[in-house]
Amino acid sequence: MKVLVTGGAGFIGSNLVEDLVRSGEDVIVLDDFSTGSLENLKAVQKQVQIVRAPCQRLLELKLPEVKKIFHLGIPSSSPMYRDNPVLVGEAIGGFVNVFELARRNQARVVYASTSSLYRSCPTPHREDSISEPFDFYTEARIAMERLARVYYDLHGVSSVGMRFFSVYGPHERAKGRYANNISQFLWAMREDKPPEIYGDGEQTRDFVYVSDVVRACLRAADSDLGCEVINVGTGRQTSFNRVIELLNKELGKSIKPVYVPNPVKNYVYHTCADLTKARKLLGYEPTVPLEEGIRRLAALEE
């Protein structure tokens, strides 16, 4: 059975592809390489079919029949949409193409959503809470979740939207300035440069290691859920200041961050996942503590 991974050369996608290949799956990677790279796939490149194209062209490619689709090929950072609001239409258009393919193939879809849509909601964030409109990126994701429900109600397309929290881990280099804060802090500190932090550094994130995210996606793909959205995080929140402490400890350094005024009007200050639904529906439990995740990432980045 063939499996399609859109964005499979990107950060989360390439980690997922590696796991699928290890499990013996026949994988097709679709990627336009805007924030992905062949370097991310070097361990499995000879074992997968790679198609260089955007999701907007998916239906004209005449791909082999697939029964599982992991749709991760969606621009995944709020600044991308601030810089180019047209991405909203492109992302939704690509999403519709993915679900049209799923309808034709009677395939299950697991797709990337985001914790950013909780913005001003109290923590821990529950799936039945969504913030008021504030951001192009989050509005696109909310529209996708609603479209997934339409495809389920009209055509029986089963899907699970994964509301990723702050995912970090290997294969982020190609994302550059859109990479997770942990990775960007690590890259700067390796060069003895002080990381830049907005505000006082007491903002918090629910940092989740990419291997836990991959495991959650695989469980969602193997589930019998009809149409759901599920948080994927750790249920713990950590300040940026604490992340700097952990990185200094791991690197054997004592670099202090530079604090700058926050220029972002709709900045999200705190995120923390309520995992009740993930535990109940997927049997999901995070397994990589932040200290261990940072240790793994630092070792890989040497």
Protein backbone atom coordinates (compact mmCIF):
# COMPACT_ATOMS: atom_id res chain seq x y z
CA MET A 1 0.00 0.00 0.00
CA LYS A 2 1.43 3.36 -1.02
CA VAL A 3 1.57 6.28 1.41
CA LEU A 4 1.75 9.92 0.31
CA VAL A 5 3.57 12.49 2.44
CA THR A 6 3.20 16.07 1.26
CA GLY A 7 6.00 18.25 2.57
CA GLY A 8 7.98 15.06 3.01
CA ALA A 9 11.32 16.81 2.50
CA GLY A 10 10.52 19.33 5.23
CA PHE A 11 11.16 19.22 8.95
CA ILE A 12 8.36 17.08 10.39
CA GLY A 13 7.68 15.40 7.05
CA SER A 14 11.19 14.02 6.60
CA ASN A 15 11.24 12.64 10.14
CA LEU A 16 7.91 10.96 9.39
CA VAL A 17 9.19 9.58 6.07
CA GLU A 18 12.20 8.02 7.78
CA ASP A 19 9.90 6.25 10.25
CA LEU A 20 7.55 5.05 7.50
CA VAL A 21 10.46 3.63 5.50
CA ARG A 22 11.80 1.81 8.57
CA SER A 23 8.34 0.27 8.93
CA GLY A 24 8.46 -1.02 5.35
CA GLU A 25 5.95 1.42 3.84
CA ASP A 26 6.05 2.35 0.14
CA VAL A 27 6.33 6.14 0.35
CA ILE A 28 5.74 8.92 -2.17
CA VAL A 29 7.13 12.32 -1.15
CA LEU A 30 5.53 15.41 -2.66
CA ASP A 31 7.41 18.64 -1.95
CA ASP A 32 8.07 21.97 -3.66
CA PHE A 33 11.29 22.35 -1.61
CA SER A 34 10.44 25.87 -0.45
CA THR A 35 11.38 24.99 3.15
CA GLY A 36 12.50 21.40 2.58
CA SER A 37 15.68 19.85 1.24
CA LEU A 38 17.04 16.62 -0.24
CA GLU A 39 19.55 16.66 2.61
CA ASN A 40 16.66 15.87 4.97
CA LEU A 41 15.95 12.69 2.97
CA LYS A 42 19.53 11.52 2.43
CA ALA A 43 19.05 8.47 4.69
CA VAL A 44 16.05 7.21 2.67
CA GLN A 45 16.30 8.96 -0.69
CA LYS A 46 16.84 5.74 -2.66
CA GLN A 47 13.87 4.07 -0.97
CA VAL A 48 11.18 6.64 -1.71
CA GLN A 49 9.62 8.23 -4.79
CA ILE A 50 10.20 11.98 -4.76
CA VAL A 51 7.92 14.30 -6.73
CA ARG A 52 8.97 17.95 -6.89
CA ALA A 53 5.68 19.87 -7.12
CA PRO A 54 3.33 21.98 -4.97
CA CYS A 55 0.10 20.57 -3.58
CA GLN A 56 -1.81 22.84 -5.96
CA ARG A 57 -0.69 20.54 -8.83
CA LEU A 58 -1.46 17.31 -7.02
CA LEU A 59 -4.47 16.22 -9.09
CA GLU A 60 -2.70 16.62 -12.44
CA LEU A 61 0.25 14.42 -11.46
CA LYS A 62 -1.50 11.06 -11.92
CA LEU A 63 0.13 9.48 -8.88
CA PRO A 64 -0.40 5.80 -8.01
CA GLU A 65 -3.35 5.05 -5.76
CA VAL A 66 -2.67 5.83 -2.11
CA LYS A 67 -4.65 4.82 0.96
CA LYS A 68 -2.96 7.05 3.53
CA ILE A 69 -2.06 10.72 3.09
CA PHE A 70 -0.02 12.75 5.55
CA HIS A 71 -0.55 16.36 4.53
CA LEU A 72 2.34 18.34 6.01
CA GLY A 73 3.12 20.41 2.91
CA ILE A 74 1.48 23.57 4.27
CA PRO A 75 3.42 26.80 4.99
CA SER A 76 3.85 26.45 8.73
CA SER A 77 4.89 29.76 10.26
CA SER A 78 2.85 32.85 11.00
CA PRO A 79 5.55 35.26 9.70
CA MET A 80 5.34 33.59 6.27
CA TYR A 81 1.71 34.68 6.00
CA ARG A 82 2.41 38.17 7.33
CA ASP A 83 5.06 38.55 4.63
CA ASN A 84 2.80 37.08 1.94
CA PRO A 85 -0.95 36.94 2.76
CA VAL A 86 -1.59 35.28 -0.63
CA LEU A 87 -0.32 32.10 1.05
CA VAL A 88 -3.75 31.80 2.69
CA GLY A 89 -5.40 31.02 -0.65
CA GLU A 90 -2.54 28.82 -1.81
CA ALA A 91 -2.57 26.78 1.40
CA ILE A 92 -6.34 26.27 1.27
CA GLY A 93 -6.19 25.41 -2.43
CA GLY A 94 -3.54 22.79 -1.77
CA PHE A 95 -5.61 21.41 1.08
CA VAL A 96 -8.65 20.98 -1.17
CA ASN A 97 -6.49 19.15 -3.73
CA VAL A 98 -5.30 16.74 -1.03
CA PHE A 99 -8.86 16.01 0.08
CA GLU A 100 -10.04 15.58 -3.50
CA LEU A 101 -7.32 12.97 -3.97
CA ALA A 102 -8.39 11.32 -0.72
CA ARG A 103 -12.01 11.27 -1.91
CA ARG A 104 -11.04 9.62 -5.19
CA ASN A 105 -8.75 7.07 -3.52
CA GLN A 106 -10.94 6.53 -0.44
CA ALA A 107 -7.85 7.41 1.58
CA ARG A 108 -7.47 8.59 5.17
CA VAL A 109 -5.83 11.98 5.74
CA VAL A 110 -3.70 13.11 8.65
CA TYR A 111 -2.92 16.80 8.32
CA ALA A 112 -0.99 19.52 10.12
CA SER A 113 -2.96 22.06 12.09
CA THR A 114 -1.56 24.35 14.79
CA SER A 115 -1.73 25.33 18.43
CA SER A 116 -1.34 28.97 17.35
CA LEU A 117 -5.10 29.21 16.89
CA TYR A 118 -5.53 29.15 20.67
CA ARG A 119 -3.70 32.51 21.08
CA SER A 120 -5.66 34.22 23.89
CA CYS A 121 -7.40 31.10 25.20
CA PRO A 122 -6.48 30.02 28.75
CA THR A 123 -4.00 27.19 29.25
CA PRO A 124 -4.05 24.25 29.11
CA HIS A 125 -5.54 24.54 25.64
CA ARG A 126 -8.49 22.30 24.84
CA GLU A 127 -9.61 21.41 21.33
CA ASP A 128 -13.01 23.03 21.84
CA SER A 129 -11.35 26.47 22.34
CA ILE A 130 -10.45 28.73 19.41
CA SER A 131 -9.35 32.36 19.62
CA GLU A 132 -11.06 35.24 17.89
CA PRO A 133 -9.67 36.08 14.41
CA PHE A 134 -6.21 37.65 14.67
CA ASP A 135 -3.83 36.15 12.15
CA PHE A 136 -3.72 35.03 8.46
CA TYR A 137 -1.94 31.78 9.34
CA THR A 138 -4.40 30.63 11.97
CA GLU A 139 -7.45 31.62 9.92
CA ALA A 140 -6.16 29.42 7.10
CA ARG A 141 -5.82 26.48 9.48
CA ILE A 142 -9.27 27.00 10.96
CA ALA A 143 -10.70 27.03 7.43
CA MET A 144 -8.90 23.75 6.72
CA GLU A 145 -10.35 22.10 9.80
CA ARG A 146 -13.83 23.19 8.74
CA LEU A 147 -13.26 21.94 5.18
CA ALA A 148 -12.15 18.58 6.57
CA ARG A 149 -15.53 18.33 8.30
CA VAL A 150 -17.30 19.21 5.03
CA TYR A 151 -15.41 16.46 3.19
CA TYR A 152 -16.33 13.99 5.90
CA ASP A 153 -20.01 14.94 5.96
CA LEU A 154 -20.40 15.08 2.16
CA HIS A 155 -17.98 12.40 0.97
CA GLY A 156 -17.01 10.29 3.99
CA VAL A 157 -13.33 11.31 3.85
CA SER A 158 -11.83 10.39 7.23
CA SER A 159 -9.24 12.76 8.63
CA VAL A 160 -7.43 13.84 11.77
CA GLY A 161 -6.10 17.38 12.15
CA MET A 162 -3.03 17.41 14.37
CA ARG A 163 -2.78 20.65 16.33
CA PHE A 164 0.99 20.69 16.72
CA PHE A 165 2.45 22.68 19.57
CA SER A 166 6.08 23.91 19.45
CA VAL A 167 7.82 21.10 17.56
CA TYR A 168 11.63 20.90 17.58
CA GLY A 169 14.23 18.36 16.51
CA PRO A 170 16.52 17.39 13.60
CA HIS A 171 16.06 18.48 9.96
CA GLU A 172 15.13 22.13 10.59
CA ARG A 173 18.07 23.81 8.85
CA ALA A 174 16.17 24.37 5.59
CA LYS A 175 13.50 26.36 7.46
CA GLY A 176 16.05 29.05 8.35
CA ARG A 177 14.46 31.91 10.27
CA TYR A 178 11.15 30.04 10.41
CA ALA A 179 12.65 27.21 12.48
CA ASN A 180 11.66 26.54 16.09
CA ASN A 181 13.09 28.86 18.74
CA ILE A 182 15.12 26.05 20.31
CA SER A 183 16.90 25.35 17.03
CA GLN A 184 17.52 29.04 16.33
CA PHE A 185 18.88 29.59 19.85
CA LEU A 186 21.13 26.53 19.48
CA TRP A 187 22.51 27.65 16.11
CA ALA A 188 23.37 31.09 17.46
CA MET A 189 24.93 29.81 20.69
CA ARG A 190 27.10 27.28 18.86
CA GLU A 191 28.73 30.30 17.20
CA ASP A 192 28.97 32.09 20.56
CA LYS A 193 26.34 34.59 19.49
CA PRO A 194 23.71 35.72 22.01
CA PRO A 195 20.23 34.55 21.02
CA GLU A 196 17.65 37.28 20.55
CA ILE A 197 14.46 37.09 22.61
CA TYR A 198 11.37 39.28 22.37
CA GLY A 199 10.39 40.83 25.68
CA ASP A 200 11.67 39.44 28.98
CA GLY A 201 11.99 35.77 28.04
CA GLU A 202 9.23 34.65 30.37
CA GLN A 203 6.90 33.70 27.52
CA THR A 204 6.34 29.96 27.47
CA ARG A 205 5.85 27.22 24.90
CA ASP A 206 4.82 23.59 25.02
CA PHE A 207 7.95 22.21 23.33
CA VAL A 208 7.46 18.72 21.84
CA TYR A 209 10.19 16.62 20.26
CA VAL A 210 9.56 15.61 16.67
CA SER A 211 9.69 11.84 17.33
CA ASP A 212 6.67 12.17 19.63
CA VAL A 213 4.86 14.13 16.89
CA VAL A 214 5.64 11.44 14.32
CA ARG A 215 4.31 8.74 16.63
CA ALA A 216 1.08 10.67 17.14
CA CYS A 217 0.63 11.07 13.38
CA LEU A 218 1.15 7.36 12.79
CA ARG A 219 -1.39 6.47 15.45
CA ALA A 220 -3.89 8.87 13.90
CA ALA A 221 -3.37 7.28 10.48
CA ASP A 222 -4.00 3.80 11.91
CA SER A 223 -7.07 4.85 13.90
CA ASP A 224 -10.71 4.47 12.90
CA LEU A 225 -11.58 8.08 13.74
CA GLY A 226 -14.02 9.77 11.39
CA CYS A 227 -13.18 13.47 11.60
CA GLU A 228 -11.23 14.86 14.54
CA VAL A 229 -8.77 17.54 15.62
CA ILE A 230 -6.29 16.54 18.32
CA ASN A 231 -3.60 18.37 20.28
CA VAL A 232 -0.03 17.10 19.98
CA GLY A 233 2.24 18.48 22.68
CA THR A 234 3.57 17.50 26.12
CA GLY A 235 1.17 19.23 28.51
CA ARG A 236 4.12 21.19 29.94
CA GLN A 237 5.21 24.75 29.28
CA THR A 238 8.75 26.11 29.49
CA SER A 239 10.00 29.71 29.32
CA PHE A 240 12.52 30.87 26.75
CA ASN A 241 14.84 31.81 29.63
CA ARG A 242 14.76 28.21 30.84
CA VAL A 243 15.53 26.96 27.32
CA ILE A 244 18.63 29.19 27.26
CA GLU A 245 19.71 27.74 30.61
CA LEU A 246 19.35 24.18 29.30
CA LEU A 247 21.23 24.98 26.09
CA ASN A 248 24.07 26.63 28.03
CA LYS A 249 24.32 23.57 30.26
CA GLU A 250 24.39 21.20 27.27
CA LEU A 251 26.92 23.27 25.32
CA GLY A 252 29.10 24.07 28.32
CA LYS A 253 28.66 27.80 27.77
CA SER A 254 27.31 30.79 29.69
CA ILE A 255 25.83 32.96 26.95
CA LYS A 256 23.24 35.52 27.94
CA PRO A 257 20.40 36.36 25.54
CA VAL A 258 19.71 39.81 24.14
CA TYR A 259 16.22 41.04 25.05
CA VAL A 260 14.55 43.27 22.46
CA PRO A 261 11.12 44.96 22.28
CA ASN A 262 8.45 42.67 20.86
CA PRO A 263 7.44 43.98 17.40
CA VAL A 264 4.62 41.45 16.89
CA LYS A 265 1.13 42.79 17.66
CA ASN A 266 -0.60 39.41 17.86
CA TYR A 267 2.18 37.57 19.67
CA VAL A 268 1.25 34.34 21.46
CA TYR A 269 2.71 34.47 24.98
CA HIS A 270 1.82 31.06 26.41
CA THR A 271 0.96 27.64 24.99
CA CYS A 272 0.29 24.37 26.76
CA ALA A 273 -1.61 21.37 25.43
CA ASP A 274 -4.47 19.64 27.16
CA LEU A 275 -3.75 16.03 26.16
CA THR A 276 -7.00 14.49 27.40
CA LYS A 277 -8.29 13.87 23.89
CA ALA A 278 -4.96 12.62 22.53
CA ARG A 279 -4.69 10.12 25.35
CA LYS A 280 -8.26 8.92 24.97
CA LEU A 281 -8.43 8.66 21.17
CA LEU A 282 -4.83 7.82 20.26
CA GLY A 283 -3.32 6.43 23.43
CA TYR A 284 -0.72 9.15 22.96
CA GLU A 285 1.76 10.01 25.67
CA PRO A 286 4.87 12.16 25.11
CA THR A 287 8.07 10.26 25.84
CA VAL A 288 10.91 12.77 25.32
CA PRO A 289 11.42 15.30 28.15
CA LEU A 290 12.75 18.69 27.08
CA GLU A 291 16.16 18.10 28.64
CA GLU A 292 16.55 14.85 26.68
CA GLY A 293 15.27 16.42 23.46
CA ILE A 294 17.78 19.25 23.71
CA ARG A 295 20.53 16.71 24.41
CA ARG A 296 19.60 14.74 21.29
CA LEU A 297 19.36 17.83 19.09
CA ALA A 298 22.66 19.27 20.33
CA ALA A 299 24.40 15.95 19.63
CA LEU A 300 23.00 15.81 16.10
CA GLU A 301 23.95 19.44 15.37
CA GLU A 302 27.63 18.98 16.32
